[in-house]
Amino acid sequence: MASPQPHGTPAAPAAHGTEHPRQHANAEHAARSVAEHAAAVTALLEPLQAVHRTETLPLARALGRGLVADVRAPISLPPFANSQMDGYAIRSIDVPDGGAELGMMPPVPAGASPTALQPGMAAPIMTGAMLPSGADAVVPIERAVPDRFLPAAAQATEHATVWLPPASAGTFVRAAGSDVKAGGTALAAGTFLGPAQLGLLAALGLPEVTVYQTVTVLLVTTGDEVVEPGRELPPGKIFDSNGTLLEAAMEQAGLQVRRAGIATDNPDRLRTLLREEGAGADLIVTTGGVSKGAYEVVRQAMADQPVEFLHVAMQPGGPQGIGTFEGRPFLGFPGNPVSCLVSFEMFLRPVLAGLLGAPAPRLPVRARLSQPLTSPGHKHQVRRGSLRADGTVELQGGESSHLMHALAGSNVLVHVPEGVAALAAGAEVEVWML
């Protein structure tokens, strides 16, 4: 996604209490851009790239990790010229335009080291088998007369012949190093290691790889109004969805999550919880308590810490907290469930992907709206939607950040950049697959 260009400076931490409407409006337009906040999160988490944050693992345990350094190919792939087809290895110069009848040499099975191909001869060859010295092309078996291999090598006598059509040099030949040459960069630092990347390392003969360690996150949900699922729900209370939502998103992304339950709206108790439970975590993430109301527990708990509470020009997920708690990186996400998930997807996930190669980044996809939409022009809006097979995306629910049912029915996040106030049906938008 192309992030909006910076257009302002970070907002200063707001004081508690009620603001004049004009002050609030001014603060909205002085909000930090999405790009600026992503840069701030990057700067906060850059120390995770330090050397002591790496480990060397066998390939079987490195799935989903990020590569620390460039991997140079110790051998070429393929390591030797080989046949792309079951057929006949020939010297292209021996077969004129009208075809030719060639003598037969012993077959070349995969894994064998063949003898040199003699002039005027053809060698039956299997897919993947080493091309005999002197050969420069392969004619597929179905183009030959007879159109089958001999039953066994013993039956290929000095009198056996085969008629073959012409083939130019290089036809159906996999040249040595045509995939990657020895000494070349096989994988770049920061590459996310999925099955294909691990398969490449195995093909190069590498049994292990140096990767970044898994990021450990302490996740804390806040609020007196929040109750753990499964317990009785008193009047005025709601079940906690944020903890489950974010824990699942983070674990799916490959992070190691440590839950600390639900923190009450008591700043002293929250500080104690973060101090005790945060030991050993790479990052602390809270949800809720970061807005401008009188009972914002996270803001209150961080009063003596270098933490900034500000507004990002994004909907949902505008209120954000960023800084350190007793030297440990801290991010404060909003309390509404869609807001906290969008915050993770917009800031934490892509920043970790850029710094550590994992989790895998969300790849942008272009789609067309099935319906019109409106958006606040001074914000980057993130809507939920369902991408269809025909390339259109249907919006799910409205802009509100509490619509969990709409989120659950979505498979993409729909991006409406800052500066766009309305889009018509059929307009092209960028979406991220969830």
Protein backbone atom coordinates (compact mmCIF):
# COMPACT_ATOMS: atom_id res chain seq x y z
CA MET A 1 0.00 0.00 0.00
CA ALA A 2 1.28 3.44 -0.81
CA SER A 3 1.24 5.26 2.51
CA PRO A 4 0.02 8.83 2.64
CA GLN A 5 2.74 11.46 2.45
CA PRO A 6 3.62 13.13 5.78
CA HIS A 7 1.66 16.31 6.14
CA GLY A 8 2.03 17.30 9.77
CA THR A 9 3.98 16.88 12.94
CA PRO A 10 3.28 14.45 15.80
CA ALA A 11 0.57 15.73 18.09
CA ALA A 12 1.57 16.50 21.67
CA PRO A 13 0.04 14.35 24.42
CA ALA A 14 -3.43 15.63 25.23
CA ALA A 15 -4.46 16.62 28.73
CA HIS A 16 -7.25 14.77 30.49
CA GLY A 17 -10.70 16.23 30.48
CA THR A 18 -13.09 17.78 28.00
CA GLU A 19 -11.80 19.75 25.05
CA HIS A 20 -13.47 22.60 23.26
CA PRO A 21 -14.95 21.36 19.94
CA ARG A 22 -12.72 23.80 18.01
CA GLN A 23 -9.65 22.43 19.80
CA HIS A 24 -10.67 18.92 18.90
CA ALA A 25 -11.17 19.86 15.26
CA ASN A 26 -7.73 21.49 15.15
CA ALA A 27 -6.19 18.40 16.72
CA GLU A 28 -7.83 16.23 14.08
CA HIS A 29 -6.15 18.18 11.29
CA ALA A 30 -2.80 18.18 13.14
CA ALA A 31 -2.94 14.39 13.42
CA ARG A 32 0.07 12.30 12.53
CA SER A 33 -0.15 10.63 9.13
CA VAL A 34 -0.20 6.86 8.74
CA ALA A 35 3.27 7.00 7.18
CA GLU A 36 4.67 9.09 10.02
CA HIS A 37 3.29 6.76 12.68
CA ALA A 38 4.59 3.69 10.85
CA ALA A 39 8.02 5.33 10.80
CA ALA A 40 7.78 6.00 14.54
CA VAL A 41 6.88 2.35 15.22
CA THR A 42 9.80 1.27 13.05
CA ALA A 43 12.20 3.44 15.05
CA LEU A 44 10.79 2.06 18.30
CA LEU A 45 11.29 -1.57 17.27
CA GLU A 46 14.60 -1.30 15.39
CA PRO A 47 16.61 -2.61 18.40
CA LEU A 48 14.95 -6.02 17.82
CA GLN A 49 17.33 -6.40 14.87
CA ALA A 50 20.34 -6.58 17.20
CA VAL A 51 22.70 -9.52 16.77
CA HIS A 52 21.66 -11.25 19.99
CA ARG A 53 18.12 -11.53 18.62
CA THR A 54 19.11 -14.24 16.13
CA GLU A 55 19.38 -18.01 16.19
CA THR A 56 20.42 -20.79 13.84
CA LEU A 57 17.76 -23.45 13.26
CA PRO A 58 17.36 -26.62 11.20
CA LEU A 59 15.23 -25.94 8.13
CA ALA A 60 12.31 -27.93 9.56
CA ARG A 61 12.03 -25.42 12.44
CA ALA A 62 12.56 -22.21 10.46
CA LEU A 63 9.13 -21.97 8.83
CA GLY A 64 7.65 -18.50 9.23
CA ARG A 65 10.88 -16.85 10.34
CA GLY A 66 12.78 -13.96 8.77
CA LEU A 67 16.23 -14.42 7.26
CA VAL A 68 19.01 -12.48 9.02
CA ALA A 69 21.59 -12.22 6.23
CA ASP A 70 21.89 -12.85 2.50
CA VAL A 71 22.34 -16.51 1.59
CA ARG A 72 24.88 -17.10 -1.18
CA ALA A 73 24.40 -20.20 -3.28
CA PRO A 74 27.18 -22.71 -2.51
CA ILE A 75 26.40 -24.55 -5.75
CA SER A 76 24.62 -23.74 -8.99
CA LEU A 77 21.05 -24.86 -9.58
CA PRO A 78 20.78 -26.95 -11.59
CA PRO A 79 24.31 -28.12 -10.72
CA PHE A 80 24.65 -29.65 -14.21
CA ALA A 81 22.88 -29.41 -17.55
CA ASN A 82 20.00 -31.88 -17.57
CA SER A 83 17.02 -32.95 -19.64
CA GLN A 84 13.67 -31.23 -19.23
CA MET A 85 11.85 -34.15 -20.91
CA ASP A 86 11.94 -37.89 -21.42
CA GLY A 87 13.47 -38.10 -24.88
CA TYR A 88 16.70 -38.28 -26.84
CA ALA A 89 19.84 -36.25 -26.23
CA ILE A 90 21.39 -35.14 -29.52
CA ARG A 91 23.94 -32.83 -31.09
CA SER A 92 21.70 -30.36 -32.91
CA ILE A 93 24.24 -30.14 -35.73
CA ASP A 94 23.61 -33.85 -36.50
CA VAL A 95 19.92 -33.30 -37.37
CA PRO A 96 19.17 -31.17 -40.46
CA ASP A 97 15.84 -29.47 -41.15
CA GLY A 98 14.33 -32.58 -42.67
CA GLY A 99 15.25 -34.78 -39.71
CA ALA A 100 17.76 -37.61 -39.55
CA GLU A 101 18.22 -41.22 -38.53
CA LEU A 102 20.73 -41.51 -35.70
CA GLY A 103 22.40 -44.42 -34.05
CA MET A 104 21.55 -45.27 -30.45
CA MET A 105 23.81 -45.02 -27.43
CA PRO A 106 23.01 -46.54 -24.01
CA PRO A 107 20.13 -44.82 -22.16
CA VAL A 108 20.89 -42.17 -19.52
CA PRO A 109 18.78 -42.62 -16.36
CA ALA A 110 18.48 -39.89 -13.72
CA GLY A 111 21.43 -39.96 -11.35
CA ALA A 112 23.85 -41.51 -13.86
CA SER A 113 27.08 -39.98 -15.14
CA PRO A 114 26.83 -40.59 -18.91
CA THR A 115 29.59 -41.08 -21.43
CA ALA A 116 30.18 -38.45 -24.10
CA LEU A 117 27.73 -38.40 -27.00
CA GLN A 118 29.37 -39.44 -30.23
CA PRO A 119 28.70 -37.65 -33.55
CA GLY A 120 25.70 -39.04 -35.42
CA MET A 121 24.33 -40.70 -32.28
CA ALA A 122 21.37 -40.14 -29.92
CA ALA A 123 21.09 -41.18 -26.28
CA PRO A 124 17.70 -42.01 -24.69
CA ILE A 125 17.50 -39.78 -21.62
CA MET A 126 15.17 -39.43 -18.66
CA THR A 127 13.78 -36.19 -17.20
CA GLY A 128 16.36 -34.69 -14.85
CA ALA A 129 19.21 -36.87 -16.11
CA MET A 130 22.60 -35.30 -16.81
CA LEU A 131 23.06 -34.26 -20.43
CA PRO A 132 25.95 -36.19 -22.01
CA SER A 133 29.01 -34.18 -22.95
CA GLY A 134 28.66 -33.09 -26.58
CA ALA A 135 24.85 -33.06 -26.52
CA ASP A 136 23.12 -29.67 -26.72
CA ALA A 137 19.42 -30.49 -27.25
CA VAL A 138 16.73 -33.02 -26.33
CA VAL A 139 13.99 -34.30 -28.64
CA PRO A 140 10.90 -35.45 -26.69
CA ILE A 141 10.18 -39.16 -26.99
CA GLU A 142 6.77 -38.60 -28.58
CA ARG A 143 8.42 -36.87 -31.57
CA ALA A 144 10.69 -39.81 -32.35
CA VAL A 145 10.16 -42.82 -34.63
CA PRO A 146 9.80 -45.26 -32.97
CA ASP A 147 7.95 -43.17 -30.33
CA ARG A 148 9.04 -45.22 -27.34
CA PHE A 149 12.16 -46.14 -25.42
CA LEU A 150 13.74 -49.53 -25.83
CA PRO A 151 12.63 -51.93 -23.06
CA ALA A 152 16.08 -52.10 -21.49
CA ALA A 153 19.61 -50.81 -21.95
CA ALA A 154 20.76 -54.24 -23.09
CA GLN A 155 18.51 -54.00 -26.14
CA ALA A 156 20.18 -50.81 -27.35
CA THR A 157 22.70 -52.39 -29.70
CA GLU A 158 25.15 -50.79 -32.08
CA HIS A 159 22.67 -51.46 -34.88
CA ALA A 160 19.67 -49.76 -33.24
CA THR A 161 18.59 -46.45 -34.80
CA VAL A 162 15.95 -43.79 -34.25
CA TRP A 163 14.57 -41.13 -36.61
CA LEU A 164 14.37 -37.68 -35.03
CA PRO A 165 13.15 -34.28 -36.19
CA PRO A 166 15.47 -31.27 -35.84
CA ALA A 167 15.88 -29.37 -32.57
CA SER A 168 17.85 -26.17 -32.04
CA ALA A 169 20.58 -25.98 -29.44
CA GLY A 170 19.17 -25.60 -25.92
CA THR A 171 15.78 -27.17 -26.70
CA PHE A 172 14.39 -28.92 -23.59
CA VAL A 173 17.73 -28.51 -21.80
CA ARG A 174 17.98 -27.07 -18.31
CA ALA A 175 21.33 -25.28 -18.37
CA ALA A 176 23.62 -25.46 -15.35
CA GLY A 177 23.02 -22.39 -13.18
CA SER A 178 19.89 -21.37 -15.09
CA ASP A 179 18.00 -21.10 -11.77
CA VAL A 180 20.78 -19.66 -9.59
CA LYS A 181 24.54 -19.57 -10.12
CA ALA A 182 27.07 -20.56 -7.47
CA GLY A 183 28.07 -17.47 -5.50
CA GLY A 184 24.91 -15.58 -6.44
CA THR A 185 22.31 -14.37 -3.94
CA ALA A 186 19.87 -17.20 -3.36
CA LEU A 187 17.79 -15.34 -0.74
CA ALA A 188 18.10 -11.74 0.44
CA ALA A 189 18.28 -10.71 4.08
CA GLY A 190 14.82 -10.13 5.50
CA THR A 191 13.16 -12.77 3.32
CA PHE A 192 10.14 -14.46 4.91
CA LEU A 193 10.85 -18.20 4.98
CA GLY A 194 7.89 -20.09 3.61
CA PRO A 195 7.85 -23.60 2.10
CA ALA A 196 9.34 -22.46 -1.23
CA GLN A 197 12.23 -20.61 0.40
CA LEU A 198 13.05 -23.52 2.71
CA GLY A 199 12.87 -25.86 -0.27
CA LEU A 200 15.42 -23.71 -2.10
CA LEU A 201 17.80 -23.84 0.86
CA ALA A 202 17.45 -27.62 0.95
CA ALA A 203 18.12 -27.84 -2.80
CA LEU A 204 21.35 -25.92 -2.18
CA GLY A 205 22.38 -28.52 0.38
CA LEU A 206 22.02 -26.22 3.39
CA PRO A 207 20.72 -28.04 6.50
CA GLU A 208 20.17 -24.95 8.69
CA VAL A 209 19.61 -21.22 8.49
CA THR A 210 20.15 -18.17 10.71
CA VAL A 211 16.88 -16.38 11.47
CA TYR A 212 15.47 -13.74 13.77
CA GLN A 213 14.05 -15.02 17.02
CA THR A 214 10.29 -14.93 17.47
CA VAL A 215 9.04 -11.65 18.89
CA THR A 216 7.39 -12.06 22.31
CA VAL A 217 4.48 -9.71 23.01
CA LEU A 218 2.81 -9.06 26.37
CA LEU A 219 -0.84 -8.38 25.51
CA VAL A 220 -3.02 -6.62 28.08
CA THR A 221 -6.72 -5.76 27.73
CA THR A 222 -7.95 -2.93 29.94
CA GLY A 223 -11.31 -1.78 31.26
CA ASP A 224 -13.60 -2.21 34.27
CA GLU A 225 -16.42 -2.89 31.83
CA VAL A 226 -14.73 -5.94 30.27
CA VAL A 227 -15.47 -9.52 31.34
CA GLU A 228 -13.72 -12.74 30.30
CA PRO A 229 -15.87 -14.92 28.00
CA GLY A 230 -17.53 -17.76 29.88
CA ARG A 231 -18.26 -15.73 33.01
CA GLU A 232 -21.55 -14.14 34.03
CA LEU A 233 -22.21 -10.86 32.23
CA PRO A 234 -23.52 -8.21 34.68
CA PRO A 235 -25.49 -5.19 33.43
CA GLY A 236 -23.30 -2.58 31.78
CA LYS A 237 -20.48 -5.05 31.07
CA ILE A 238 -19.24 -6.55 27.79
CA PHE A 239 -17.27 -9.69 27.00
CA ASP A 240 -13.63 -9.17 26.07
CA SER A 241 -13.11 -9.79 22.36
CA ASN A 242 -9.93 -7.77 21.98
CA GLY A 243 -7.72 -10.24 23.81
CA THR A 244 -8.83 -13.21 21.71
CA LEU A 245 -8.88 -11.17 18.48
CA LEU A 246 -5.38 -9.75 18.85
CA GLU A 247 -3.85 -12.90 20.32
CA ALA A 248 -5.13 -14.90 17.35
CA ALA A 249 -3.93 -12.30 14.84
CA MET A 250 -0.50 -12.12 16.44
CA GLU A 251 -0.06 -15.88 16.77
CA GLN A 252 -1.24 -16.39 13.20
CA ALA A 253 1.44 -13.89 12.21
CA GLY A 254 4.08 -15.91 14.05
CA LEU A 255 4.46 -13.81 17.20
CA GLN A 256 4.67 -15.38 20.64
CA VAL A 257 1.90 -13.92 22.79
CA ARG A 258 1.81 -13.72 26.56
CA ARG A 259 -1.61 -12.82 27.97
CA ALA A 260 -1.95 -10.99 31.27
CA GLY A 261 -5.72 -11.13 31.60
CA ILE A 262 -7.87 -8.01 31.91
CA ALA A 263 -6.51 -4.99 33.76
CA THR A 264 -8.93 -2.84 35.72
CA ASP A 265 -9.09 0.93 35.42
CA ASN A 266 -6.60 1.36 38.26
CA PRO A 267 -3.36 2.96 37.03
CA ASP A 268 -1.24 1.67 39.93
CA ARG A 269 -2.39 -1.90 39.42
CA LEU A 270 -1.79 -1.65 35.68
CA ARG A 271 1.76 -0.38 36.27
CA THR A 272 2.42 -3.28 38.64
CA LEU A 273 0.99 -5.78 36.15
CA LEU A 274 3.11 -4.43 33.29
CA ARG A 275 6.22 -4.44 35.46
CA GLU A 276 5.74 -8.00 36.67
CA GLU A 277 4.38 -9.61 33.50
CA GLY A 278 6.48 -7.63 31.03
CA ALA A 279 9.78 -9.16 32.15
CA GLY A 280 11.23 -11.10 29.24
CA ALA A 281 8.81 -9.67 26.65
CA ASP A 282 10.15 -7.83 23.62
CA LEU A 283 7.11 -5.59 23.36
CA ILE A 284 4.10 -4.56 25.43
CA VAL A 285 0.77 -3.99 23.68
CA THR A 286 -2.35 -2.77 25.47
CA THR A 287 -5.86 -2.23 24.18
CA GLY A 288 -8.10 0.55 25.44
CA GLY A 289 -7.43 3.50 27.72
CA VAL A 290 -5.59 5.66 25.17
CA SER A 291 -8.22 8.27 24.27
CA LYS A 292 -8.86 11.66 25.87
CA GLY A 293 -11.51 10.81 28.45
CA ALA A 294 -11.25 11.14 32.21
CA TYR A 295 -10.81 7.40 32.87
CA GLU A 296 -8.16 6.41 30.34
CA VAL A 297 -6.16 4.03 32.50
CA VAL A 298 -3.26 3.45 30.09
CA ARG A 299 -2.63 7.19 29.73
CA GLN A 300 -2.73 7.54 33.51
CA ALA A 301 -0.43 4.55 34.11
CA MET A 302 2.13 5.96 31.68
CA ALA A 303 2.19 9.45 33.19
CA ASP A 304 5.83 9.08 34.31
CA GLN A 305 6.99 7.11 31.25
CA PRO A 306 8.30 8.38 27.87
CA VAL A 307 5.04 7.49 26.11
CA GLU A 308 3.27 9.75 23.65
CA PHE A 309 -0.50 9.61 23.18
CA LEU A 310 -1.62 11.09 19.90
CA HIS A 311 -4.08 10.88 17.07
CA VAL A 312 -3.26 9.25 13.74
CA ALA A 313 -5.19 10.38 10.67
CA MET A 314 -6.83 6.99 10.29
CA GLN A 315 -10.35 5.60 10.69
CA PRO A 316 -10.76 3.41 12.67
CA GLY A 317 -7.78 3.35 15.01
CA GLY A 318 -7.04 7.05 15.39
CA PRO A 319 -5.99 7.15 19.07
CA GLN A 320 -2.56 5.57 19.56
CA GLY A 321 0.07 5.34 22.26
CA ILE A 322 3.77 4.80 21.56
CA GLY A 323 6.92 4.86 23.65
CA THR A 324 8.64 2.73 26.27
CA PHE A 325 7.58 1.40 29.65
CA GLU A 326 10.63 1.09 31.89
CA GLY A 327 12.79 0.76 28.80
CA ARG A 328 10.59 -1.79 27.05
CA PRO A 329 8.89 -0.87 23.73
CA PHE A 330 5.21 -0.07 24.24
CA LEU A 331 2.27 0.33 21.86
CA GLY A 332 -1.17 1.35 23.07
CA PHE A 333 -3.99 0.40 20.70
CA PRO A 334 -7.57 1.71 20.93
CA GLY A 335 -10.21 -0.30 22.79
CA ASN A 336 -12.74 -0.93 20.04
CA PRO A 337 -12.12 -4.37 18.54
CA VAL A 338 -11.94 -3.37 14.87
CA SER A 339 -9.69 -0.44 15.81
CA CYS A 340 -7.19 -2.63 17.62
CA LEU A 341 -7.04 -5.16 14.77
CA VAL A 342 -6.61 -2.41 12.17
CA SER A 343 -3.85 -0.91 14.34
CA PHE A 344 -2.03 -4.25 14.36
CA GLU A 345 -2.40 -4.69 10.60
CA MET A 346 -1.42 -1.12 9.73
CA PHE A 347 1.52 -0.66 12.08
CA LEU A 348 2.86 -3.64 14.01
CA ARG A 349 2.58 -6.36 11.36
CA PRO A 350 4.16 -4.42 8.45
CA VAL A 351 6.87 -2.90 10.63
CA LEU A 352 7.95 -6.31 11.95
CA ALA A 353 7.82 -7.68 8.40
CA GLY A 354 10.12 -4.91 7.24
CA LEU A 355 12.55 -5.18 10.14
CA LEU A 356 12.67 -8.93 10.72
CA GLY A 357 11.24 -10.47 7.55
CA ALA A 358 8.35 -11.94 9.53
CA PRO A 359 5.42 -12.05 9.69
CA ALA A 360 4.72 -12.19 5.98
CA PRO A 361 3.55 -8.79 4.71
CA ARG A 362 0.05 -8.30 3.39
CA LEU A 363 0.33 -8.08 -0.37
CA PRO A 364 -1.79 -5.31 -1.93
CA VAL A 365 -4.47 -6.41 -4.39
CA ARG A 366 -6.49 -4.17 -6.66
CA ALA A 367 -10.28 -4.59 -6.66
CA ARG A 368 -13.36 -2.64 -7.75
CA LEU A 369 -16.06 -1.46 -5.38
CA SER A 370 -19.47 -3.03 -5.79
CA GLN A 371 -21.05 0.01 -4.15
CA PRO A 372 -20.20 3.67 -3.50
CA LEU A 373 -18.61 4.85 -0.26
CA THR A 374 -17.79 8.07 1.54
CA SER A 375 -14.72 8.74 3.66
CA PRO A 376 -13.43 11.61 5.80
CA GLY A 377 -11.08 13.38 3.42
CA HIS A 378 -8.44 14.15 6.04
CA LYS A 379 -8.08 10.51 7.15
CA HIS A 380 -6.95 7.20 5.74
CA GLN A 381 -10.05 5.04 6.06
CA VAL A 382 -9.87 1.27 6.44
CA ARG A 383 -13.14 -0.53 5.67
CA ARG A 384 -13.95 -4.21 5.88
CA GLY A 385 -15.09 -6.09 2.80
CA SER A 386 -15.50 -9.38 0.98
CA LEU A 387 -13.49 -9.89 -2.19
CA ARG A 388 -15.36 -11.89 -4.81
CA ALA A 389 -14.02 -14.15 -7.55
CA ASP A 390 -14.89 -11.54 -10.19
CA GLY A 391 -12.52 -9.00 -8.62
CA THR A 392 -15.18 -6.83 -6.99
CA VAL A 393 -15.27 -6.10 -3.28
CA GLU A 394 -18.46 -5.72 -1.25
CA LEU A 395 -18.24 -3.59 1.88
CA GLN A 396 -19.29 -5.26 5.12
CA GLY A 397 -20.92 -3.04 7.73
CA GLY A 398 -20.19 0.65 8.13
CA GLU A 399 -17.28 2.73 9.37
CA SER A 400 -17.92 2.03 13.07
CA SER A 401 -15.15 0.28 14.96
CA HIS A 402 -17.39 -1.98 17.07
CA LEU A 403 -18.86 -4.03 14.20
CA MET A 404 -17.40 -7.45 14.99
CA HIS A 405 -20.03 -9.33 12.98
CA ALA A 406 -19.09 -7.34 9.88
CA LEU A 407 -15.41 -8.02 10.54
CA ALA A 408 -16.05 -11.74 10.89
CA GLY A 409 -17.82 -11.71 7.52
CA SER A 410 -14.90 -10.02 5.76
CA ASN A 411 -11.83 -11.37 4.03
CA VAL A 412 -10.14 -8.08 3.12
CA LEU A 413 -9.32 -4.64 4.47
CA VAL A 414 -10.31 -1.93 1.99
CA HIS A 415 -8.07 1.15 1.90
CA VAL A 416 -9.34 4.63 1.11
CA PRO A 417 -6.35 7.00 1.11
CA GLU A 418 -6.24 10.34 2.85
CA GLY A 419 -7.54 13.05 0.55
CA VAL A 420 -10.34 10.90 -0.93
CA ALA A 421 -13.82 11.86 0.29
CA ALA A 422 -15.97 9.63 -1.92
CA LEU A 423 -15.67 6.77 -4.39
CA ALA A 424 -18.29 5.57 -6.85
CA ALA A 425 -19.30 1.99 -7.49
CA GLY A 426 -16.76 0.45 -9.84
CA ALA A 427 -13.89 2.59 -8.53
CA GLU A 428 -10.60 0.76 -8.08
CA VAL A 429 -9.29 0.39 -4.53
CA GLU A 430 -6.43 -1.38 -2.79
CA VAL A 431 -7.34 -4.27 -0.51
CA TRP A 432 -5.32 -6.46 1.84
CA MET A 433 -6.31 -10.11 2.18
CA LEU A 434 -6.99 -11.18 5.76
